[in-house]
């Protein structure tokens, strides 16, 4: 996987109090309990998934075919559980912690988090040399980029390339994730961000929640998110359009 250097997070003047998008009918104690439980579940599940990835690529030695099939089942179940935990975290709509974020740092971090998954699938990820800054919640926007990249990996053929690139405008920055997979069917483009919708070319590796969660996070940031088929070539492009911090 190719990772380019990128700018780091920078400090800018931000509001003292984050914008609160929390659901009002949840008591603080219940909300905190759900969030804490979700975080406690997500950490070991992520560790299990990473360990499974290492086993599948032969890091601990050759895996017999029968054992490989068992690992595939365990991996699919683990991914589904991670998706459900992410949904629990997302439906709480915790207050956003807004700050100035470097797009290059966000995309690099997301790619590094999925390096093992991309390597196991024999997929290269190309990253942008973006100097743009956006205004948002680092953890939540990183979750969106991980979802978009993970989705691209799932539907990309071995040996292909996923290209992460940006489109800068005066007020906005669009981050695009383009793959070389099967693309989207006409009926999927309007429903792909609905909960549990996995598209016509569905993949067993997921709960059908990742894109719906990404849409909710984009809405919370007053951002736009969408997808389209690549013109003149295979695959699809998923994008998120964020508010840009003007250059100094």
C-alpha atoms as a PDB file:
ATOM      1  CA  UNK A   1       0.000   0.000   0.000  1.00  0.00           C
ATOM      2  CA  UNK A   2       1.358   3.396  -0.951  1.00  0.00           C
ATOM      3  CA  UNK A   3       1.262   6.045   1.777  1.00  0.00           C
ATOM      4  CA  UNK A   4       2.399   9.596   1.057  1.00  0.00           C
ATOM      5  CA  UNK A   5       3.443  12.179   3.601  1.00  0.00           C
ATOM      6  CA  UNK A   6       0.759  14.625   4.557  1.00  0.00           C
ATOM      7  CA  UNK A   7       0.254  17.635   6.822  1.00  0.00           C
ATOM      8  CA  UNK A   8      -0.558  17.050  10.461  1.00  0.00           C
ATOM      9  CA  UNK A   9      -3.514  18.286  12.462  1.00  0.00           C
ATOM     10  CA  UNK A  10      -3.207  21.975  13.156  1.00  0.00           C
ATOM     11  CA  UNK A  11      -4.629  24.173  15.883  1.00  0.00           C
ATOM     12  CA  UNK A  12      -7.094  26.858  14.862  1.00  0.00           C
ATOM     13  CA  UNK A  13      -9.590  28.888  16.822  1.00  0.00           C
ATOM     14  CA  UNK A  14     -12.629  26.715  17.426  1.00  0.00           C
ATOM     15  CA  UNK A  15     -15.763  27.163  19.528  1.00  0.00           C
ATOM     16  CA  UNK A  16     -15.302  26.418  23.215  1.00  0.00           C
ATOM     17  CA  UNK A  17     -18.426  24.260  23.279  1.00  0.00           C
ATOM     18  CA  UNK A  18     -18.951  21.576  20.628  1.00  0.00           C
ATOM     19  CA  UNK A  19     -22.219  21.498  18.725  1.00  0.00           C
ATOM     20  CA  UNK A  20     -24.556  19.058  20.455  1.00  0.00           C
ATOM     21  CA  UNK A  21     -26.372  16.620  18.162  1.00  0.00           C
ATOM     22  CA  UNK A  22     -27.445  14.193  20.880  1.00  0.00           C
ATOM     23  CA  UNK A  23     -30.858  12.553  20.909  1.00  0.00           C
ATOM     24  CA  UNK A  24     -32.788  14.423  23.631  1.00  0.00           C
ATOM     25  CA  UNK A  25     -34.897  11.528  24.942  1.00  0.00           C
ATOM     26  CA  UNK A  26     -31.923   9.504  26.207  1.00  0.00           C
ATOM     27  CA  UNK A  27     -30.879  10.160  29.781  1.00  0.00           C
ATOM     28  CA  UNK A  28     -27.190  11.037  30.230  1.00  0.00           C
ATOM     29  CA  UNK A  29     -26.588   7.922  32.338  1.00  0.00           C
ATOM     30  CA  UNK A  30     -28.165   5.597  29.755  1.00  0.00           C
ATOM     31  CA  UNK A  31     -26.309   7.299  26.919  1.00  0.00           C
ATOM     32  CA  UNK A  32     -22.991   7.015  28.746  1.00  0.00           C
ATOM     33  CA  UNK A  33     -23.634   3.357  29.565  1.00  0.00           C
ATOM     34  CA  UNK A  34     -24.403   2.512  25.932  1.00  0.00           C
ATOM     35  CA  UNK A  35     -21.363   4.388  24.659  1.00  0.00           C
ATOM     36  CA  UNK A  36     -19.036   2.814  27.239  1.00  0.00           C
ATOM     37  CA  UNK A  37     -20.366  -0.681  26.530  1.00  0.00           C
ATOM     38  CA  UNK A  38     -20.004  -0.159  22.787  1.00  0.00           C
ATOM     39  CA  UNK A  39     -16.413   1.011  23.130  1.00  0.00           C
ATOM     40  CA  UNK A  40     -15.567  -1.914  25.411  1.00  0.00           C
ATOM     41  CA  UNK A  41     -16.965  -4.330  22.826  1.00  0.00           C
ATOM     42  CA  UNK A  42     -15.343  -2.676  19.821  1.00  0.00           C
ATOM     43  CA  UNK A  43     -11.749  -2.864  21.071  1.00  0.00           C
ATOM     44  CA  UNK A  44     -11.545  -6.665  21.500  1.00  0.00           C
ATOM     45  CA  UNK A  45     -13.575  -7.236  18.330  1.00  0.00           C
ATOM     46  CA  UNK A  46     -11.145  -5.099  16.337  1.00  0.00           C
ATOM     47  CA  UNK A  47      -8.253  -7.040  17.845  1.00  0.00           C
ATOM     48  CA  UNK A  48      -9.899 -10.325  16.851  1.00  0.00           C
ATOM     49  CA  UNK A  49     -10.424  -9.073  13.305  1.00  0.00           C
ATOM     50  CA  UNK A  50      -6.811  -7.916  12.965  1.00  0.00           C
ATOM     51  CA  UNK A  51      -5.565 -11.260  14.282  1.00  0.00           C
ATOM     52  CA  UNK A  52      -7.769 -13.116  11.813  1.00  0.00           C
ATOM     53  CA  UNK A  53      -6.360 -11.016   8.974  1.00  0.00           C
ATOM     54  CA  UNK A  54      -2.811 -11.934   9.992  1.00  0.00           C
ATOM     55  CA  UNK A  55      -3.706 -15.625  10.193  1.00  0.00           C
ATOM     56  CA  UNK A  56      -5.364 -15.569   6.770  1.00  0.00           C
ATOM     57  CA  UNK A  57      -2.332 -14.032   5.051  1.00  0.00           C
ATOM     58  CA  UNK A  58      -0.085 -16.699   6.575  1.00  0.00           C
ATOM     59  CA  UNK A  59       1.685 -14.608   9.205  1.00  0.00           C
ATOM     60  CA  UNK A  60       1.676 -17.616  11.565  1.00  0.00           C
ATOM     61  CA  UNK A  61       2.368 -20.197   8.879  1.00  0.00           C
ATOM     62  CA  UNK A  62       0.346 -22.027   6.206  1.00  0.00           C
ATOM     63  CA  UNK A  63      -3.353 -22.537   6.926  1.00  0.00           C
ATOM     64  CA  UNK A  64      -5.053 -25.795   5.798  1.00  0.00           C
ATOM     65  CA  UNK A  65      -8.019 -25.323   3.466  1.00  0.00           C
ATOM     66  CA  UNK A  66     -10.565 -26.563   6.020  1.00  0.00           C
ATOM     67  CA  UNK A  67      -9.170 -24.201   8.650  1.00  0.00           C
ATOM     68  CA  UNK A  68      -9.252 -21.340   6.132  1.00  0.00           C
ATOM     69  CA  UNK A  69     -12.979 -21.879   5.628  1.00  0.00           C
ATOM     70  CA  UNK A  70     -13.534 -21.784   9.390  1.00  0.00           C
ATOM     71  CA  UNK A  71     -11.531 -18.552   9.629  1.00  0.00           C
ATOM     72  CA  UNK A  72     -13.691 -17.052   6.872  1.00  0.00           C
ATOM     73  CA  UNK A  73     -16.839 -17.798   8.873  1.00  0.00           C
ATOM     74  CA  UNK A  74     -15.357 -16.334  12.054  1.00  0.00           C
ATOM     75  CA  UNK A  75     -14.188 -13.241  10.178  1.00  0.00           C
ATOM     76  CA  UNK A  76     -17.608 -12.598   8.631  1.00  0.00           C
ATOM     77  CA  UNK A  77     -19.287 -12.936  12.017  1.00  0.00           C
ATOM     78  CA  UNK A  78     -16.739 -10.629  13.636  1.00  0.00           C
ATOM     79  CA  UNK A  79     -17.261  -7.982  10.946  1.00  0.00           C
ATOM     80  CA  UNK A  80     -21.015  -8.152  11.476  1.00  0.00           C
ATOM     81  CA  UNK A  81     -20.577  -7.673  15.224  1.00  0.00           C
ATOM     82  CA  UNK A  82     -18.267  -4.699  14.662  1.00  0.00           C
ATOM     83  CA  UNK A  83     -20.906  -3.169  12.404  1.00  0.00           C
ATOM     84  CA  UNK A  84     -23.584  -3.571  15.054  1.00  0.00           C
ATOM     85  CA  UNK A  85     -21.335  -2.009  17.703  1.00  0.00           C
ATOM     86  CA  UNK A  86     -20.642   0.917  15.364  1.00  0.00           C
ATOM     87  CA  UNK A  87     -24.374   1.386  14.949  1.00  0.00           C
ATOM     88  CA  UNK A  88     -24.802   1.544  18.728  1.00  0.00           C
ATOM     89  CA  UNK A  89     -22.118   4.214  18.882  1.00  0.00           C
ATOM     90  CA  UNK A  90     -23.621   6.168  16.010  1.00  0.00           C
ATOM     91  CA  UNK A  91     -27.262   6.227  17.078  1.00  0.00           C
ATOM     92  CA  UNK A  92     -26.252   8.024  20.259  1.00  0.00           C
ATOM     93  CA  UNK A  93     -25.241  11.026  18.138  1.00  0.00           C
ATOM     94  CA  UNK A  94     -22.694  12.226  20.655  1.00  0.00           C
ATOM     95  CA  UNK A  95     -21.738  15.909  20.627  1.00  0.00           C
ATOM     96  CA  UNK A  96     -19.284  16.628  17.829  1.00  0.00           C
ATOM     97  CA  UNK A  97     -15.865  17.901  18.855  1.00  0.00           C
ATOM     98  CA  UNK A  98     -15.170  20.307  16.027  1.00  0.00           C
ATOM     99  CA  UNK A  99     -11.612  21.296  15.139  1.00  0.00           C
ATOM    100  CA  UNK A 100      -9.416  22.090  12.165  1.00  0.00           C
ATOM    101  CA  UNK A 101      -8.331  18.880  10.440  1.00  0.00           C
ATOM    102  CA  UNK A 102      -5.797  18.178   7.716  1.00  0.00           C
ATOM    103  CA  UNK A 103      -7.354  16.154   4.901  1.00  0.00           C
ATOM    104  CA  UNK A 104      -4.022  14.494   4.138  1.00  0.00           C
ATOM    105  CA  UNK A 105      -3.710  13.269   7.713  1.00  0.00           C
ATOM    106  CA  UNK A 106      -7.266  11.923   7.756  1.00  0.00           C
ATOM    107  CA  UNK A 107      -6.861   9.940   4.539  1.00  0.00           C
ATOM    108  CA  UNK A 108      -3.451   8.570   5.534  1.00  0.00           C
ATOM    109  CA  UNK A 109      -4.706   7.451   8.947  1.00  0.00           C
ATOM    110  CA  UNK A 110      -7.736   5.721   7.421  1.00  0.00           C
ATOM    111  CA  UNK A 111      -5.535   3.878   4.909  1.00  0.00           C
ATOM    112  CA  UNK A 112      -3.105   2.793   7.624  1.00  0.00           C
ATOM    113  CA  UNK A 113      -5.980   1.360   9.665  1.00  0.00           C
ATOM    114  CA  UNK A 114      -6.944  -0.838   6.701  1.00  0.00           C
ATOM    115  CA  UNK A 115      -3.419  -1.702   5.553  1.00  0.00           C
ATOM    116  CA  UNK A 116      -3.727  -5.336   6.639  1.00  0.00           C
ATOM    117  CA  UNK A 117      -7.090  -5.764   4.944  1.00  0.00           C
ATOM    118  CA  UNK A 118      -5.796  -4.206   1.711  1.00  0.00           C
ATOM    119  CA  UNK A 119      -2.636  -6.319   1.759  1.00  0.00           C
ATOM    120  CA  UNK A 120      -4.628  -9.514   2.299  1.00  0.00           C
ATOM    121  CA  UNK A 121      -6.806  -8.626  -0.704  1.00  0.00           C
ATOM    122  CA  UNK A 122      -3.750  -7.663  -2.824  1.00  0.00           C
ATOM    123  CA  UNK A 123      -5.076  -4.144  -3.320  1.00  0.00           C
ATOM    124  CA  UNK A 124      -3.031  -0.946  -3.516  1.00  0.00           C
ATOM    125  CA  UNK A 125      -4.325   2.306  -2.026  1.00  0.00           C
ATOM    126  CA  UNK A 126      -3.112   5.565  -3.552  1.00  0.00           C
ATOM    127  CA  UNK A 127      -3.423   8.653  -1.371  1.00  0.00           C
ATOM    128  CA  UNK A 128      -3.611  12.377  -2.164  1.00  0.00           C
ATOM    129  CA  UNK A 129      -1.008  15.014  -1.365  1.00  0.00           C
ATOM    130  CA  UNK A 130      -3.675  17.348  -0.059  1.00  0.00           C
ATOM    131  CA  UNK A 131      -2.842  20.477   1.917  1.00  0.00           C
ATOM    132  CA  UNK A 132      -6.503  21.347   2.515  1.00  0.00           C
ATOM    133  CA  UNK A 133      -8.012  21.839   5.957  1.00  0.00           C
ATOM    134  CA  UNK A 134     -11.594  21.066   6.927  1.00  0.00           C
ATOM    135  CA  UNK A 135     -13.697  21.691   9.998  1.00  0.00           C
ATOM    136  CA  UNK A 136     -15.072  18.609  11.738  1.00  0.00           C
ATOM    137  CA  UNK A 137     -14.865  15.863  14.332  1.00  0.00           C
ATOM    138  CA  UNK A 138     -11.695  13.834  13.708  1.00  0.00           C
ATOM    139  CA  UNK A 139     -12.975  10.506  15.036  1.00  0.00           C
ATOM    140  CA  UNK A 140     -16.284  10.703  13.211  1.00  0.00           C
ATOM    141  CA  UNK A 141     -14.822  11.774   9.867  1.00  0.00           C
ATOM    142  CA  UNK A 142     -12.171   9.089  10.188  1.00  0.00           C
ATOM    143  CA  UNK A 143     -15.006   6.601  10.683  1.00  0.00           C
ATOM    144  CA  UNK A 144     -16.546   7.757   7.394  1.00  0.00           C
ATOM    145  CA  UNK A 145     -13.286   7.378   5.473  1.00  0.00           C
ATOM    146  CA  UNK A 146     -12.644   3.938   6.969  1.00  0.00           C
ATOM    147  CA  UNK A 147     -16.159   2.896   5.947  1.00  0.00           C
ATOM    148  CA  UNK A 148     -15.688   4.162   2.383  1.00  0.00           C
ATOM    149  CA  UNK A 149     -12.265   2.541   2.026  1.00  0.00           C
ATOM    150  CA  UNK A 150     -13.392  -0.723   3.593  1.00  0.00           C
ATOM    151  CA  UNK A 151     -16.363  -0.819   1.236  1.00  0.00           C
ATOM    152  CA  UNK A 152     -14.060  -0.223  -1.747  1.00  0.00           C
ATOM    153  CA  UNK A 153     -11.734  -3.040  -0.650  1.00  0.00           C
ATOM    154  CA  UNK A 154     -14.631  -5.485  -0.316  1.00  0.00           C
ATOM    155  CA  UNK A 155     -15.783  -4.915  -3.882  1.00  0.00           C
ATOM    156  CA  UNK A 156     -12.399  -4.552  -5.598  1.00  0.00           C
ATOM    157  CA  UNK A 157     -10.754  -7.398  -7.532  1.00  0.00           C
ATOM    158  CA  UNK A 158      -7.302  -8.617  -6.418  1.00  0.00           C
ATOM    159  CA  UNK A 159      -4.449  -6.671  -7.959  1.00  0.00           C
ATOM    160  CA  UNK A 160      -6.515  -3.522  -8.452  1.00  0.00           C
ATOM    161  CA  UNK A 161      -5.980  -0.005  -7.131  1.00  0.00           C
ATOM    162  CA  UNK A 162      -8.160   2.193  -4.952  1.00  0.00           C
ATOM    163  CA  UNK A 163      -7.495   5.874  -5.550  1.00  0.00           C
ATOM    164  CA  UNK A 164      -8.229   8.421  -2.836  1.00  0.00           C
ATOM    165  CA  UNK A 165      -8.219  11.932  -4.272  1.00  0.00           C
ATOM    166  CA  UNK A 166      -9.563  15.379  -3.445  1.00  0.00           C
ATOM    167  CA  UNK A 167     -11.353  18.182  -5.238  1.00  0.00           C
ATOM    168  CA  UNK A 168     -10.759  21.633  -3.763  1.00  0.00           C
ATOM    169  CA  UNK A 169     -13.266  24.454  -4.060  1.00  0.00           C
ATOM    170  CA  UNK A 170     -13.412  27.863  -2.435  1.00  0.00           C
ATOM    171  CA  UNK A 171     -15.740  26.784   0.384  1.00  0.00           C
ATOM    172  CA  UNK A 172     -15.559  22.996   0.228  1.00  0.00           C
ATOM    173  CA  UNK A 173     -13.228  20.026  -0.080  1.00  0.00           C
ATOM    174  CA  UNK A 174     -14.513  16.789  -1.585  1.00  0.00           C
ATOM    175  CA  UNK A 175     -12.735  13.560  -0.651  1.00  0.00           C
ATOM    176  CA  UNK A 176     -13.299  10.835  -3.246  1.00  0.00           C
ATOM    177  CA  UNK A 177     -12.622   7.085  -3.003  1.00  0.00           C
ATOM    178  CA  UNK A 178     -12.539   5.433  -6.444  1.00  0.00           C
ATOM    179  CA  UNK A 179     -12.306   1.665  -6.917  1.00  0.00           C
ATOM    180  CA  UNK A 180     -12.059  -0.669  -9.916  1.00  0.00           C
ATOM    181  CA  UNK A 181     -14.806  -3.056  -8.856  1.00  0.00           C
ATOM    182  CA  UNK A 182     -18.176  -3.973 -10.332  1.00  0.00           C
ATOM    183  CA  UNK A 183     -19.732  -0.555  -9.786  1.00  0.00           C
ATOM    184  CA  UNK A 184     -23.295   0.301  -8.790  1.00  0.00           C
ATOM    185  CA  UNK A 185     -26.555  -0.785 -10.361  1.00  0.00           C
ATOM    186  CA  UNK A 186     -29.014   1.970 -11.253  1.00  0.00           C
ATOM    187  CA  UNK A 187     -31.364   1.073  -8.419  1.00  0.00           C
ATOM    188  CA  UNK A 188     -28.576   1.042  -5.852  1.00  0.00           C
ATOM    189  CA  UNK A 189     -27.465   4.651  -6.229  1.00  0.00           C
ATOM    190  CA  UNK A 190     -30.605   5.997  -4.534  1.00  0.00           C
ATOM    191  CA  UNK A 191     -30.615   3.407  -1.735  1.00  0.00           C
ATOM    192  CA  UNK A 192     -26.971   2.616  -1.047  1.00  0.00           C
ATOM    193  CA  UNK A 193     -26.911   4.829   2.071  1.00  0.00           C
ATOM    194  CA  UNK A 194     -30.060   3.274   3.560  1.00  0.00           C
ATOM    195  CA  UNK A 195     -29.655   1.087   6.626  1.00  0.00           C
ATOM    196  CA  UNK A 196     -29.011  -2.598   5.884  1.00  0.00           C
ATOM    197  CA  UNK A 197     -28.988  -2.035   2.112  1.00  0.00           C
ATOM    198  CA  UNK A 198     -25.939  -3.804   0.665  1.00  0.00           C
ATOM    199  CA  UNK A 199     -26.534  -3.258  -3.025  1.00  0.00           C
ATOM    200  CA  UNK A 200     -27.244  -5.693  -5.831  1.00  0.00           C
ATOM    201  CA  UNK A 201     -23.674  -7.008  -5.709  1.00  0.00           C
ATOM    202  CA  UNK A 202     -23.799  -7.548  -1.969  1.00  0.00           C
ATOM    203  CA  UNK A 203     -20.858  -8.886  -0.030  1.00  0.00           C
ATOM    204  CA  UNK A 204     -21.113 -11.089   3.054  1.00  0.00           C
ATOM    205  CA  UNK A 205     -18.438  -9.052   4.849  1.00  0.00           C
ATOM    206  CA  UNK A 206     -20.569  -6.473   6.565  1.00  0.00           C
ATOM    207  CA  UNK A 207     -23.782  -5.629   8.340  1.00  0.00           C
ATOM    208  CA  UNK A 208     -25.110  -3.183   5.752  1.00  0.00           C
ATOM    209  CA  UNK A 209     -24.711  -0.331   8.241  1.00  0.00           C
ATOM    210  CA  UNK A 210     -21.405   1.302   7.321  1.00  0.00           C
ATOM    211  CA  UNK A 211     -22.675   3.589   4.566  1.00  0.00           C
ATOM    212  CA  UNK A 212     -25.824   4.485   6.517  1.00  0.00           C
ATOM    213  CA  UNK A 213     -23.664   5.460   9.490  1.00  0.00           C
ATOM    214  CA  UNK A 214     -21.448   7.499   7.166  1.00  0.00           C
ATOM    215  CA  UNK A 215     -24.512   9.331   5.854  1.00  0.00           C
ATOM    216  CA  UNK A 216     -25.595  10.195   9.387  1.00  0.00           C
ATOM    217  CA  UNK A 217     -22.138  11.511  10.259  1.00  0.00           C
ATOM    218  CA  UNK A 218     -22.099  13.595   7.066  1.00  0.00           C
ATOM    219  CA  UNK A 219     -25.512  15.031   7.952  1.00  0.00           C
ATOM    220  CA  UNK A 220     -24.261  15.905  11.430  1.00  0.00           C
ATOM    221  CA  UNK A 221     -21.425  17.880   9.802  1.00  0.00           C
ATOM    222  CA  UNK A 222     -23.774  19.653   7.372  1.00  0.00           C
ATOM    223  CA  UNK A 223     -21.809  17.833   4.683  1.00  0.00           C
ATOM    224  CA  UNK A 224     -22.883  15.953   1.572  1.00  0.00           C
ATOM    225  CA  UNK A 225     -22.126  12.339   0.690  1.00  0.00           C
ATOM    226  CA  UNK A 226     -22.849  10.311  -2.417  1.00  0.00           C
ATOM    227  CA  UNK A 227     -21.685   7.795  -5.002  1.00  0.00           C
ATOM    228  CA  UNK A 228     -21.565   7.352  -8.756  1.00  0.00           C
ATOM    229  CA  UNK A 229     -20.192   4.928 -11.336  1.00  0.00           C
ATOM    230  CA  UNK A 230     -16.874   5.835 -12.913  1.00  0.00           C
ATOM    231  CA  UNK A 231     -17.133   7.216 -16.431  1.00  0.00           C
ATOM    232  CA  UNK A 232     -15.445   5.125 -19.117  1.00  0.00           C
ATOM    233  CA  UNK A 233     -13.985   2.581 -16.699  1.00  0.00           C
ATOM    234  CA  UNK A 234     -15.046  -0.019 -14.167  1.00  0.00           C
ATOM    235  CA  UNK A 235     -15.819   0.671 -10.555  1.00  0.00           C
ATOM    236  CA  UNK A 236     -17.528   3.326  -8.492  1.00  0.00           C
ATOM    237  CA  UNK A 237     -16.568   6.473  -6.626  1.00  0.00           C
ATOM    238  CA  UNK A 238     -17.866   7.356  -3.163  1.00  0.00           C
ATOM    239  CA  UNK A 239     -17.388  10.912  -1.957  1.00  0.00           C
ATOM    240  CA  UNK A 240     -17.949  13.254   0.965  1.00  0.00           C
ATOM    241  CA  UNK A 241     -18.011  17.045   0.567  1.00  0.00           C
ATOM    242  CA  UNK A 242     -16.876  18.955   3.662  1.00  0.00           C
ATOM    243  CA  UNK A 243     -16.693  22.587   4.703  1.00  0.00           C
ATOM    244  CA  UNK A 244     -13.235  23.920   3.990  1.00  0.00           C
ATOM    245  CA  UNK A 245     -11.130  26.240   6.127  1.00  0.00           C
ATOM    246  CA  UNK A 246      -9.800  28.940   3.767  1.00  0.00           C
ATOM    247  CA  UNK A 247      -6.000  29.087   3.393  1.00  0.00           C
ATOM    248  CA  UNK A 248      -4.348  31.711   5.576  1.00  0.00           C
END
